[in-house]
Amino acid sequence: MSAFKAFKACVPIEWSDKLYITLVRGMPGTRELHRRTLEALRLRKCNRTVVRKNTPTVRGMLQQVKRLVAIETKEMHEARKRRDANHRALRAPLVISHHPAPKTESFQLS
């Protein structure tokens, strides 16, 4: 289990006042009730995130579509965004020289 998943497993969702909800699986092939629930949550495309208040109503809706969405608290969402930004950060270019190495005098024993 990765450290992020371990952190995600130990943080109770009820403690957070806002929930970051991301649609991680597509809607084609799902039940009509699940599609209507996702539309009520304003999730229409994959990998889109919405912020909702943490209420019993929203938690009930998320319980219905829990296999289609990822639920995060504010801290978890910011940590994931920072990790993704570091992963996409520009790195120094790898310089490869195609010129032959200069010849040096070899040592000869006399």
N, C-alpha and C. Protein backbone atom coordinates (compact mmCIF):
# COMPACT_ATOMS: atom_id res chain seq x y z
N MET A 1 0.85 -1.17 0.00
CA MET A 1 0.00 0.00 0.00
C MET A 1 0.89 1.24 0.00
N SER A 2 0.61 2.17 -0.90
CA SER A 2 1.43 3.38 -0.97
C SER A 2 1.14 4.27 0.24
N ALA A 3 2.03 5.20 0.48
CA ALA A 3 1.87 6.11 1.62
C ALA A 3 0.62 6.96 1.45
N PHE A 4 0.32 7.36 0.21
CA PHE A 4 -0.86 8.19 -0.02
C PHE A 4 -2.14 7.42 0.28
N LYS A 5 -2.19 6.14 -0.16
CA LYS A 5 -3.38 5.33 0.12
C LYS A 5 -3.50 5.05 1.61
N ALA A 6 -2.39 4.87 2.28
CA ALA A 6 -2.43 4.66 3.73
C ALA A 6 -2.96 5.91 4.43
N PHE A 7 -2.51 7.09 3.99
CA PHE A 7 -2.99 8.35 4.55
C PHE A 7 -4.48 8.51 4.27
N LYS A 8 -4.88 8.15 3.07
CA LYS A 8 -6.27 8.29 2.66
C LYS A 8 -7.17 7.37 3.50
N ALA A 9 -6.65 6.20 3.84
CA ALA A 9 -7.45 5.24 4.59
C ALA A 9 -7.64 5.65 6.05
N CYS A 10 -6.70 6.41 6.62
CA CYS A 10 -6.78 6.74 8.04
C CYS A 10 -7.47 8.07 8.33
N VAL A 11 -7.77 8.88 7.32
CA VAL A 11 -8.41 10.18 7.55
C VAL A 11 -9.92 10.02 7.42
N PRO A 12 -10.68 10.25 8.48
CA PRO A 12 -12.14 10.16 8.35
C PRO A 12 -12.68 11.31 7.51
N ILE A 13 -13.53 10.95 6.57
CA ILE A 13 -14.12 11.96 5.68
C ILE A 13 -15.03 12.90 6.47
N GLU A 14 -15.64 12.43 7.55
CA GLU A 14 -16.58 13.24 8.31
C GLU A 14 -15.92 14.45 8.96
N TRP A 15 -14.60 14.42 9.16
CA TRP A 15 -13.92 15.53 9.81
C TRP A 15 -13.77 16.74 8.91
N SER A 16 -13.80 16.54 7.62
CA SER A 16 -13.56 17.64 6.70
C SER A 16 -14.86 18.38 6.41
N ASP A 17 -14.78 19.71 6.25
CA ASP A 17 -15.99 20.47 5.95
C ASP A 17 -16.29 20.50 4.45
N LYS A 18 -15.29 20.26 3.61
CA LYS A 18 -15.49 20.21 2.16
C LYS A 18 -14.90 18.92 1.62
N LEU A 19 -15.52 18.39 0.58
CA LEU A 19 -15.05 17.18 -0.07
C LEU A 19 -14.67 17.49 -1.50
N TYR A 20 -13.55 16.96 -1.93
CA TYR A 20 -13.11 17.08 -3.31
C TYR A 20 -13.44 15.75 -3.99
N ILE A 21 -14.35 15.79 -4.95
CA ILE A 21 -14.86 14.58 -5.58
C ILE A 21 -14.40 14.56 -7.03
N THR A 22 -13.73 13.49 -7.44
CA THR A 22 -13.20 13.35 -8.79
C THR A 22 -13.83 12.13 -9.45
N LEU A 23 -14.35 12.30 -10.65
CA LEU A 23 -14.89 11.18 -11.41
C LEU A 23 -13.72 10.44 -12.04
N VAL A 24 -13.53 9.18 -11.67
CA VAL A 24 -12.37 8.43 -12.16
C VAL A 24 -12.76 7.34 -13.15
N ARG A 25 -14.02 7.02 -13.25
CA ARG A 25 -14.47 6.02 -14.22
C ARG A 25 -15.58 6.64 -15.06
N GLY A 26 -15.68 6.20 -16.30
CA GLY A 26 -16.65 6.78 -17.21
C GLY A 26 -18.08 6.38 -16.91
N MET A 27 -19.01 7.16 -17.47
CA MET A 27 -20.42 6.91 -17.24
C MET A 27 -21.05 5.89 -18.20
N PRO A 28 -20.51 5.66 -19.40
CA PRO A 28 -21.16 4.68 -20.27
C PRO A 28 -21.19 3.30 -19.61
N GLY A 29 -22.34 2.66 -19.71
CA GLY A 29 -22.50 1.34 -19.14
C GLY A 29 -22.95 1.34 -17.69
N THR A 30 -23.14 2.51 -17.10
CA THR A 30 -23.60 2.56 -15.72
C THR A 30 -25.11 2.65 -15.68
N ARG A 31 -25.66 2.42 -14.51
CA ARG A 31 -27.11 2.47 -14.36
C ARG A 31 -27.60 3.92 -14.47
N GLU A 32 -28.85 4.05 -14.87
CA GLU A 32 -29.45 5.39 -15.03
C GLU A 32 -29.44 6.15 -13.71
N LEU A 33 -29.70 5.45 -12.62
CA LEU A 33 -29.71 6.09 -11.30
C LEU A 33 -28.33 6.67 -10.97
N HIS A 34 -27.27 5.94 -11.32
CA HIS A 34 -25.91 6.43 -11.06
C HIS A 34 -25.59 7.63 -11.94
N ARG A 35 -26.03 7.59 -13.19
CA ARG A 35 -25.78 8.74 -14.08
C ARG A 35 -26.48 9.98 -13.57
N ARG A 36 -27.70 9.81 -13.09
CA ARG A 36 -28.44 10.97 -12.57
C ARG A 36 -27.79 11.50 -11.29
N THR A 37 -27.25 10.60 -10.48
CA THR A 37 -26.55 11.03 -9.27
C THR A 37 -25.30 11.82 -9.62
N LEU A 38 -24.54 11.34 -10.61
CA LEU A 38 -23.34 12.07 -11.04
C LEU A 38 -23.69 13.43 -11.63
N GLU A 39 -24.79 13.51 -12.36
CA GLU A 39 -25.21 14.81 -12.88
C GLU A 39 -25.61 15.75 -11.75
N ALA A 40 -26.25 15.21 -10.71
CA ALA A 40 -26.62 16.04 -9.56
C ALA A 40 -25.37 16.55 -8.83
N LEU A 41 -24.29 15.76 -8.87
CA LEU A 41 -23.02 16.20 -8.28
C LEU A 41 -22.23 17.10 -9.22
N ARG A 42 -22.73 17.32 -10.42
CA ARG A 42 -22.09 18.14 -11.47
C ARG A 42 -20.81 17.50 -11.99
N LEU A 43 -20.78 16.17 -12.04
CA LEU A 43 -19.64 15.45 -12.61
C LEU A 43 -20.06 14.91 -13.96
N ARG A 44 -19.49 15.46 -15.02
CA ARG A 44 -19.90 15.06 -16.36
C ARG A 44 -18.79 14.39 -17.16
N LYS A 45 -17.53 14.67 -16.84
CA LYS A 45 -16.40 14.11 -17.59
C LYS A 45 -15.41 13.48 -16.64
N CYS A 46 -14.68 12.50 -17.15
CA CYS A 46 -13.67 11.81 -16.34
C CYS A 46 -12.56 12.78 -15.93
N ASN A 47 -11.98 12.53 -14.77
CA ASN A 47 -10.86 13.29 -14.21
C ASN A 47 -11.22 14.75 -13.92
N ARG A 48 -12.49 15.05 -13.76
CA ARG A 48 -12.91 16.38 -13.33
C ARG A 48 -13.20 16.33 -11.85
N THR A 49 -12.86 17.41 -11.16
CA THR A 49 -13.03 17.48 -9.72
C THR A 49 -14.01 18.59 -9.37
N VAL A 50 -14.91 18.30 -8.44
CA VAL A 50 -15.83 19.31 -7.92
C VAL A 50 -15.66 19.36 -6.40
N VAL A 51 -16.01 20.49 -5.83
CA VAL A 51 -15.93 20.67 -4.37
C VAL A 51 -17.35 20.81 -3.86
N ARG A 52 -17.69 19.98 -2.89
CA ARG A 52 -19.03 20.00 -2.29
C ARG A 52 -18.90 20.06 -0.78
N LYS A 53 -19.90 20.65 -0.13
CA LYS A 53 -19.93 20.66 1.32
C LYS A 53 -20.16 19.24 1.82
N ASN A 54 -19.58 18.94 2.94
CA ASN A 54 -19.70 17.61 3.52
C ASN A 54 -20.99 17.53 4.32
N THR A 55 -22.06 17.10 3.66
CA THR A 55 -23.36 16.94 4.31
C THR A 55 -23.79 15.48 4.19
N PRO A 56 -24.72 15.05 5.03
CA PRO A 56 -25.20 13.67 4.92
C PRO A 56 -25.81 13.37 3.56
N THR A 57 -26.43 14.36 2.93
CA THR A 57 -27.02 14.15 1.61
C THR A 57 -25.94 13.84 0.57
N VAL A 58 -24.89 14.63 0.58
CA VAL A 58 -23.80 14.42 -0.39
C VAL A 58 -23.10 13.09 -0.11
N ARG A 59 -22.90 12.77 1.17
CA ARG A 59 -22.27 11.48 1.50
C ARG A 59 -23.13 10.31 1.05
N GLY A 60 -24.45 10.45 1.13
CA GLY A 60 -25.34 9.39 0.63
C GLY A 60 -25.24 9.23 -0.87
N MET A 61 -25.14 10.35 -1.58
CA MET A 61 -24.98 10.29 -3.04
C MET A 61 -23.64 9.63 -3.40
N LEU A 62 -22.60 9.96 -2.64
CA LEU A 62 -21.29 9.37 -2.91
C LEU A 62 -21.27 7.88 -2.59
N GLN A 63 -22.05 7.47 -1.60
CA GLN A 63 -22.13 6.05 -1.28
C GLN A 63 -22.71 5.27 -2.46
N GLN A 64 -23.65 5.90 -3.19
CA GLN A 64 -24.26 5.25 -4.35
C GLN A 64 -23.27 5.04 -5.48
N VAL A 65 -22.39 6.01 -5.70
CA VAL A 65 -21.48 5.96 -6.86
C VAL A 65 -20.02 5.82 -6.42
N LYS A 66 -19.78 5.16 -5.28
CA LYS A 66 -18.43 5.11 -4.72
C LYS A 66 -17.43 4.40 -5.62
N ARG A 67 -17.88 3.50 -6.50
CA ARG A 67 -16.93 2.82 -7.39
C ARG A 67 -16.55 3.67 -8.59
N LEU A 68 -17.25 4.78 -8.81
CA LEU A 68 -16.98 5.64 -9.96
C LEU A 68 -16.18 6.89 -9.59
N VAL A 69 -16.08 7.22 -8.31
CA VAL A 69 -15.47 8.49 -7.90
C VAL A 69 -14.36 8.25 -6.89
N ALA A 70 -13.50 9.26 -6.76
CA ALA A 70 -12.48 9.30 -5.70
C ALA A 70 -12.83 10.48 -4.81
N ILE A 71 -12.85 10.24 -3.51
CA ILE A 71 -13.24 11.28 -2.55
C ILE A 71 -12.02 11.65 -1.74
N GLU A 72 -11.75 12.96 -1.65
CA GLU A 72 -10.57 13.44 -0.93
C GLU A 72 -10.96 14.62 -0.05
N THR A 73 -10.18 14.81 1.00
CA THR A 73 -10.31 16.02 1.80
C THR A 73 -9.42 17.10 1.17
N LYS A 74 -9.47 18.29 1.71
CA LYS A 74 -8.69 19.39 1.16
C LYS A 74 -7.19 19.10 1.23
N GLU A 75 -6.73 18.57 2.37
CA GLU A 75 -5.30 18.28 2.53
C GLU A 75 -4.85 17.21 1.55
N MET A 76 -5.67 16.17 1.38
CA MET A 76 -5.31 15.09 0.46
C MET A 76 -5.26 15.60 -0.98
N HIS A 77 -6.22 16.45 -1.34
CA HIS A 77 -6.26 16.99 -2.70
C HIS A 77 -5.04 17.85 -2.98
N GLU A 78 -4.68 18.72 -2.03
CA GLU A 78 -3.52 19.58 -2.22
C GLU A 78 -2.23 18.77 -2.28
N ALA A 79 -2.12 17.73 -1.47
CA ALA A 79 -0.93 16.87 -1.51
C ALA A 79 -0.81 16.18 -2.86
N ARG A 80 -1.92 15.71 -3.40
CA ARG A 80 -1.89 15.05 -4.71
C ARG A 80 -1.52 16.04 -5.81
N LYS A 81 -2.06 17.25 -5.74
CA LYS A 81 -1.74 18.26 -6.74
C LYS A 81 -0.27 18.65 -6.69
N ARG A 82 0.30 18.77 -5.48
CA ARG A 82 1.72 19.08 -5.34
C ARG A 82 2.57 17.96 -5.92
N ARG A 83 2.20 16.72 -5.63
CA ARG A 83 2.96 15.58 -6.15
C ARG A 83 2.89 15.54 -7.68
N ASP A 84 1.71 15.81 -8.25
CA ASP A 84 1.58 15.83 -9.71
C ASP A 84 2.38 16.97 -10.32
N ALA A 85 2.40 18.14 -9.66
CA ALA A 85 3.15 19.27 -10.17
C ALA A 85 4.65 18.98 -10.15
N ASN A 86 5.12 18.33 -9.09
CA ASN A 86 6.54 17.97 -9.02
C ASN A 86 6.90 16.95 -10.09
N HIS A 87 5.97 16.07 -10.37
CA HIS A 87 6.22 15.05 -11.40
C HIS A 87 6.33 15.69 -12.79
N ARG A 88 5.54 16.75 -13.02
CA ARG A 88 5.54 17.41 -14.33
C ARG A 88 6.56 18.54 -14.44
N ALA A 89 7.31 18.81 -13.38
CA ALA A 89 8.24 19.92 -13.37
C ALA A 89 9.32 19.73 -14.44
N LEU A 90 9.82 20.87 -14.95
CA LEU A 90 10.87 20.81 -15.95
C LEU A 90 12.15 20.31 -15.32
N ARG A 91 12.82 19.48 -16.04
CA ARG A 91 14.09 18.93 -15.56
C ARG A 91 15.21 19.39 -16.48
N ALA A 92 16.42 19.37 -15.98
CA ALA A 92 17.56 19.77 -16.80
C ALA A 92 17.70 18.79 -17.96
N PRO A 93 18.01 19.30 -19.14
CA PRO A 93 18.13 18.39 -20.29
C PRO A 93 19.33 17.48 -20.17
N LEU A 94 19.20 16.32 -20.72
CA LEU A 94 20.30 15.36 -20.76
C LEU A 94 21.14 15.69 -21.98
N VAL A 95 22.42 16.00 -21.76
CA VAL A 95 23.30 16.41 -22.85
C VAL A 95 24.16 15.22 -23.26
N ILE A 96 24.07 14.86 -24.51
CA ILE A 96 24.86 13.76 -25.04
C ILE A 96 25.76 14.33 -26.12
N SER A 97 27.06 14.10 -25.99
CA SER A 97 28.01 14.58 -26.98
C SER A 97 28.33 13.45 -27.95
N HIS A 98 28.17 13.72 -29.24
CA HIS A 98 28.44 12.71 -30.26
C HIS A 98 29.84 12.87 -30.87
N HIS A 99 30.59 13.82 -30.33
CA HIS A 99 31.96 14.01 -30.80
C HIS A 99 32.86 12.98 -30.14
N PRO A 100 33.86 12.49 -30.87
CA PRO A 100 34.76 11.51 -30.23
C PRO A 100 35.56 12.18 -29.12
N ALA A 101 35.91 11.40 -28.15
CA ALA A 101 36.67 11.91 -27.02
C ALA A 101 38.07 12.30 -27.50
N PRO A 102 38.65 13.39 -26.96
CA PRO A 102 40.00 13.79 -27.38
C PRO A 102 41.01 12.72 -26.98
N LYS A 103 41.98 12.53 -27.86
CA LYS A 103 43.01 11.51 -27.60
C LYS A 103 44.01 12.06 -26.59
N THR A 104 44.34 11.23 -25.67
CA THR A 104 45.34 11.61 -24.65
C THR A 104 46.56 10.72 -24.82
N GLU A 105 47.68 11.21 -24.34
CA GLU A 105 48.89 10.41 -24.43
C GLU A 105 48.81 9.24 -23.47
N SER A 106 49.10 8.10 -23.95
CA SER A 106 49.06 6.92 -23.08
C SER A 106 50.41 6.77 -22.39
N PHE A 107 50.38 6.26 -21.21
CA PHE A 107 51.61 6.08 -20.46
C PHE A 107 52.32 4.80 -20.95
N GLN A 108 53.61 4.94 -21.21
CA GLN A 108 54.38 3.77 -21.62
C GLN A 108 55.47 3.51 -20.60
N LEU A 109 55.58 2.26 -20.27
CA LEU A 109 56.64 1.90 -19.32
C LEU A 109 57.91 1.60 -20.09
N SER A 110 59.03 2.13 -19.66
CA SER A 110 60.28 1.87 -20.38
C SER A 110 61.21 1.02 -19.59
